[in-house]
C-alpha atoms as a PDB file:
ATOM      1  CA  UNK A   1       9.560  -4.401   7.576  1.00  0.00           C
ATOM      2  CA  UNK A   2       7.651  -3.336  10.023  1.00  0.00           C
ATOM      3  CA  UNK A   3       9.102  -1.772  13.681  1.00  0.00           C
ATOM      4  CA  UNK A   4       8.747  -4.302  16.259  1.00  0.00           C
ATOM      5  CA  UNK A   5       6.156  -4.283  18.643  1.00  0.00           C
ATOM      6  CA  UNK A   6       8.515  -3.833  21.877  1.00  0.00           C
ATOM      7  CA  UNK A   7      10.283  -1.010  20.246  1.00  0.00           C
ATOM      8  CA  UNK A   8       7.182   0.722  19.681  1.00  0.00           C
ATOM      9  CA  UNK A   9       6.025   0.485  23.181  1.00  0.00           C
ATOM     10  CA  UNK A  10       9.853   1.668  24.289  1.00  0.00           C
ATOM     11  CA  UNK A  11       9.056   5.035  22.425  1.00  0.00           C
ATOM     12  CA  UNK A  12       5.598   5.261  23.602  1.00  0.00           C
ATOM     13  CA  UNK A  13       6.577   4.877  27.057  1.00  0.00           C
ATOM     14  CA  UNK A  14       9.656   7.162  26.333  1.00  0.00           C
ATOM     15  CA  UNK A  15       7.593  10.223  25.128  1.00  0.00           C
ATOM     16  CA  UNK A  16       5.203   9.081  28.260  1.00  0.00           C
ATOM     17  CA  UNK A  17       8.219   9.688  30.258  1.00  0.00           C
ATOM     18  CA  UNK A  18       8.550  13.397  29.083  1.00  0.00           C
ATOM     19  CA  UNK A  19      10.941  12.745  26.330  1.00  0.00           C
ATOM     20  CA  UNK A  20      10.318  14.938  23.299  1.00  0.00           C
ATOM     21  CA  UNK A  21       9.363  13.163  19.585  1.00  0.00           C
ATOM     22  CA  UNK A  22      12.284  14.786  18.200  1.00  0.00           C
ATOM     23  CA  UNK A  23      15.111  13.120  20.687  1.00  0.00           C
ATOM     24  CA  UNK A  24      13.688   9.679  20.540  1.00  0.00           C
ATOM     25  CA  UNK A  25      13.354   9.622  16.504  1.00  0.00           C
ATOM     26  CA  UNK A  26      16.935  10.758  16.266  1.00  0.00           C
ATOM     27  CA  UNK A  27      18.120   8.276  19.152  1.00  0.00           C
ATOM     28  CA  UNK A  28      16.336   5.457  17.675  1.00  0.00           C
ATOM     29  CA  UNK A  29      16.823   6.470  13.920  1.00  0.00           C
ATOM     30  CA  UNK A  30      12.490   6.547  13.488  1.00  0.00           C
ATOM     31  CA  UNK A  31      10.854   8.898  11.064  1.00  0.00           C
ATOM     32  CA  UNK A  32       8.634  11.788  13.314  1.00  0.00           C
ATOM     33  CA  UNK A  33       5.765  11.007  11.066  1.00  0.00           C
ATOM     34  CA  UNK A  34       6.049   7.358  12.419  1.00  0.00           C
ATOM     35  CA  UNK A  35       5.747   8.353  16.621  1.00  0.00           C
ATOM     36  CA  UNK A  36       3.374  10.644  14.878  1.00  0.00           C
ATOM     37  CA  UNK A  37       1.286   8.081  13.287  1.00  0.00           C
ATOM     38  CA  UNK A  38       1.878   5.614  16.642  1.00  0.00           C
ATOM     39  CA  UNK A  39       0.621   8.043  18.923  1.00  0.00           C
ATOM     40  CA  UNK A  40      -3.167   8.412  17.126  1.00  0.00           C
ATOM     41  CA  UNK A  41      -3.031   4.650  17.177  1.00  0.00           C
ATOM     42  CA  UNK A  42      -4.478   2.664  19.508  1.00  0.00           C
ATOM     43  CA  UNK A  43      -3.377  -1.309  18.948  1.00  0.00           C
ATOM     44  CA  UNK A  44       0.793  -0.220  18.311  1.00  0.00           C
ATOM     45  CA  UNK A  45       0.246  -3.632  16.904  1.00  0.00           C
ATOM     46  CA  UNK A  46       1.410  -3.855  12.969  1.00  0.00           C
ATOM     47  CA  UNK A  47      -1.109  -4.767  10.772  1.00  0.00           C
ATOM     48  CA  UNK A  48      -1.029  -7.278   8.250  1.00  0.00           C
ATOM     49  CA  UNK A  49      -2.997  -6.208   4.809  1.00  0.00           C
ATOM     50  CA  UNK A  50      -4.159  -9.923   3.098  1.00  0.00           C
ATOM     51  CA  UNK A  51      -4.969  -8.991  -0.175  1.00  0.00           C
ATOM     52  CA  UNK A  52      -5.715  -5.084  -1.230  1.00  0.00           C
ATOM     53  CA  UNK A  53      -8.828  -4.578  -3.438  1.00  0.00           C
ATOM     54  CA  UNK A  54      -7.907  -4.443  -7.126  1.00  0.00           C
ATOM     55  CA  UNK A  55      -9.473  -2.884  -9.892  1.00  0.00           C
ATOM     56  CA  UNK A  56      -9.442  -7.285 -11.543  1.00  0.00           C
ATOM     57  CA  UNK A  57     -11.554  -9.182 -10.285  1.00  0.00           C
ATOM     58  CA  UNK A  58     -10.501 -12.515 -10.058  1.00  0.00           C
ATOM     59  CA  UNK A  59     -12.919 -15.049  -9.773  1.00  0.00           C
ATOM     60  CA  UNK A  60     -14.672 -13.544 -12.939  1.00  0.00           C
ATOM     61  CA  UNK A  61     -11.164 -14.111 -14.498  1.00  0.00           C
ATOM     62  CA  UNK A  62     -10.844 -17.210 -12.771  1.00  0.00           C
ATOM     63  CA  UNK A  63     -14.876 -17.565 -14.839  1.00  0.00           C
ATOM     64  CA  UNK A  64     -13.406 -16.461 -18.314  1.00  0.00           C
ATOM     65  CA  UNK A  65     -10.386 -18.939 -17.959  1.00  0.00           C
ATOM     66  CA  UNK A  66     -12.821 -21.836 -17.815  1.00  0.00           C
ATOM     67  CA  UNK A  67     -15.201 -20.113 -20.223  1.00  0.00           C
ATOM     68  CA  UNK A  68     -12.258 -19.655 -22.688  1.00  0.00           C
ATOM     69  CA  UNK A  69      -9.068 -21.646 -22.072  1.00  0.00           C
ATOM     70  CA  UNK A  70      -7.592 -20.624 -25.227  1.00  0.00           C
ATOM     71  CA  UNK A  71      -7.488 -16.879 -24.639  1.00  0.00           C
ATOM     72  CA  UNK A  72      -4.314 -14.823 -24.673  1.00  0.00           C
ATOM     73  CA  UNK A  73      -2.934 -12.768 -21.904  1.00  0.00           C
ATOM     74  CA  UNK A  74      -3.241  -9.777 -24.352  1.00  0.00           C
ATOM     75  CA  UNK A  75      -7.188 -10.307 -25.168  1.00  0.00           C
ATOM     76  CA  UNK A  76      -8.276 -11.350 -21.286  1.00  0.00           C
ATOM     77  CA  UNK A  77      -6.078  -7.843 -20.226  1.00  0.00           C
ATOM     78  CA  UNK A  78      -8.076  -6.052 -23.054  1.00  0.00           C
ATOM     79  CA  UNK A  79     -11.196  -7.374 -22.491  1.00  0.00           C
ATOM     80  CA  UNK A  80     -10.864  -6.594 -18.530  1.00  0.00           C
ATOM     81  CA  UNK A  81      -9.065  -3.250 -19.183  1.00  0.00           C
ATOM     82  CA  UNK A  82      -5.654  -3.782 -17.619  1.00  0.00           C
ATOM     83  CA  UNK A  83      -2.122  -4.253 -18.269  1.00  0.00           C
ATOM     84  CA  UNK A  84      -1.033  -7.878 -19.140  1.00  0.00           C
ATOM     85  CA  UNK A  85       1.477  -8.207 -16.106  1.00  0.00           C
ATOM     86  CA  UNK A  86      -1.828  -7.678 -13.454  1.00  0.00           C
ATOM     87  CA  UNK A  87      -3.093 -10.697 -15.645  1.00  0.00           C
ATOM     88  CA  UNK A  88      -0.188 -13.014 -15.431  1.00  0.00           C
ATOM     89  CA  UNK A  89      -0.224 -11.846 -11.731  1.00  0.00           C
ATOM     90  CA  UNK A  90      -3.264 -13.186 -11.053  1.00  0.00           C
ATOM     91  CA  UNK A  91      -3.264 -16.461 -12.874  1.00  0.00           C
ATOM     92  CA  UNK A  92       0.293 -16.670 -10.774  1.00  0.00           C
ATOM     93  CA  UNK A  93      -1.478 -16.176  -8.095  1.00  0.00           C
ATOM     94  CA  UNK A  94      -4.631 -18.355  -8.458  1.00  0.00           C
ATOM     95  CA  UNK A  95      -1.970 -20.812  -9.848  1.00  0.00           C
ATOM     96  CA  UNK A  96      -4.051 -21.197 -13.208  1.00  0.00           C
ATOM     97  CA  UNK A  97      -0.707 -22.533 -15.207  1.00  0.00           C
ATOM     98  CA  UNK A  98      -1.582 -22.189 -19.023  1.00  0.00           C
ATOM     99  CA  UNK A  99      -1.872 -25.375 -21.276  1.00  0.00           C
ATOM    100  CA  UNK A 100       0.669 -26.190 -23.802  1.00  0.00           C
ATOM    101  CA  UNK A 101      -0.599 -27.153 -26.807  1.00  0.00           C
ATOM    102  CA  UNK A 102       1.070 -30.870 -28.673  1.00  0.00           C
ATOM    103  CA  UNK A 103       0.316 -28.791 -31.927  1.00  0.00           C
ATOM    104  CA  UNK A 104       4.315 -30.014 -32.406  1.00  0.00           C
ATOM    105  CA  UNK A 105       3.955 -33.175 -31.185  1.00  0.00           C
ATOM    106  CA  UNK A 106       0.692 -33.634 -33.848  1.00  0.00           C
ATOM    107  CA  UNK A 107       2.562 -32.486 -36.931  1.00  0.00           C
ATOM    108  CA  UNK A 108       5.161 -34.948 -35.782  1.00  0.00           C
ATOM    109  CA  UNK A 109       2.984 -38.117 -36.107  1.00  0.00           C
ATOM    110  CA  UNK A 110       0.739 -37.477 -39.194  1.00  0.00           C
ATOM    111  CA  UNK A 111       4.411 -36.731 -41.101  1.00  0.00           C
ATOM    112  CA  UNK A 112       4.985 -40.800 -39.995  1.00  0.00           C
ATOM    113  CA  UNK A 113       1.916 -41.868 -41.044  1.00  0.00           C
END
């Protein structure tokens, strides 16, 4: 969680009026390194990261799911060179759910006939 814009502006104003960085850090319970970072920025507003660049290409994964719908997570992970958890996470974010086969139901209907 980031600090509010109001707090950031108060710290910068305090420093501009002659306060020290160490004193501001102690009073407000903020790290000195954080205050130094704020001083080096032009805009004090917190930055929002949408989605970081990852090793796994989600568009290629979507295409692979369409071409090979029966492939397992482990097979896809080996194909893309990532951990199976990365595949699972990406599929959840893309909102692709796994299709459950009705093989158990098919076997029961074959027995009845």
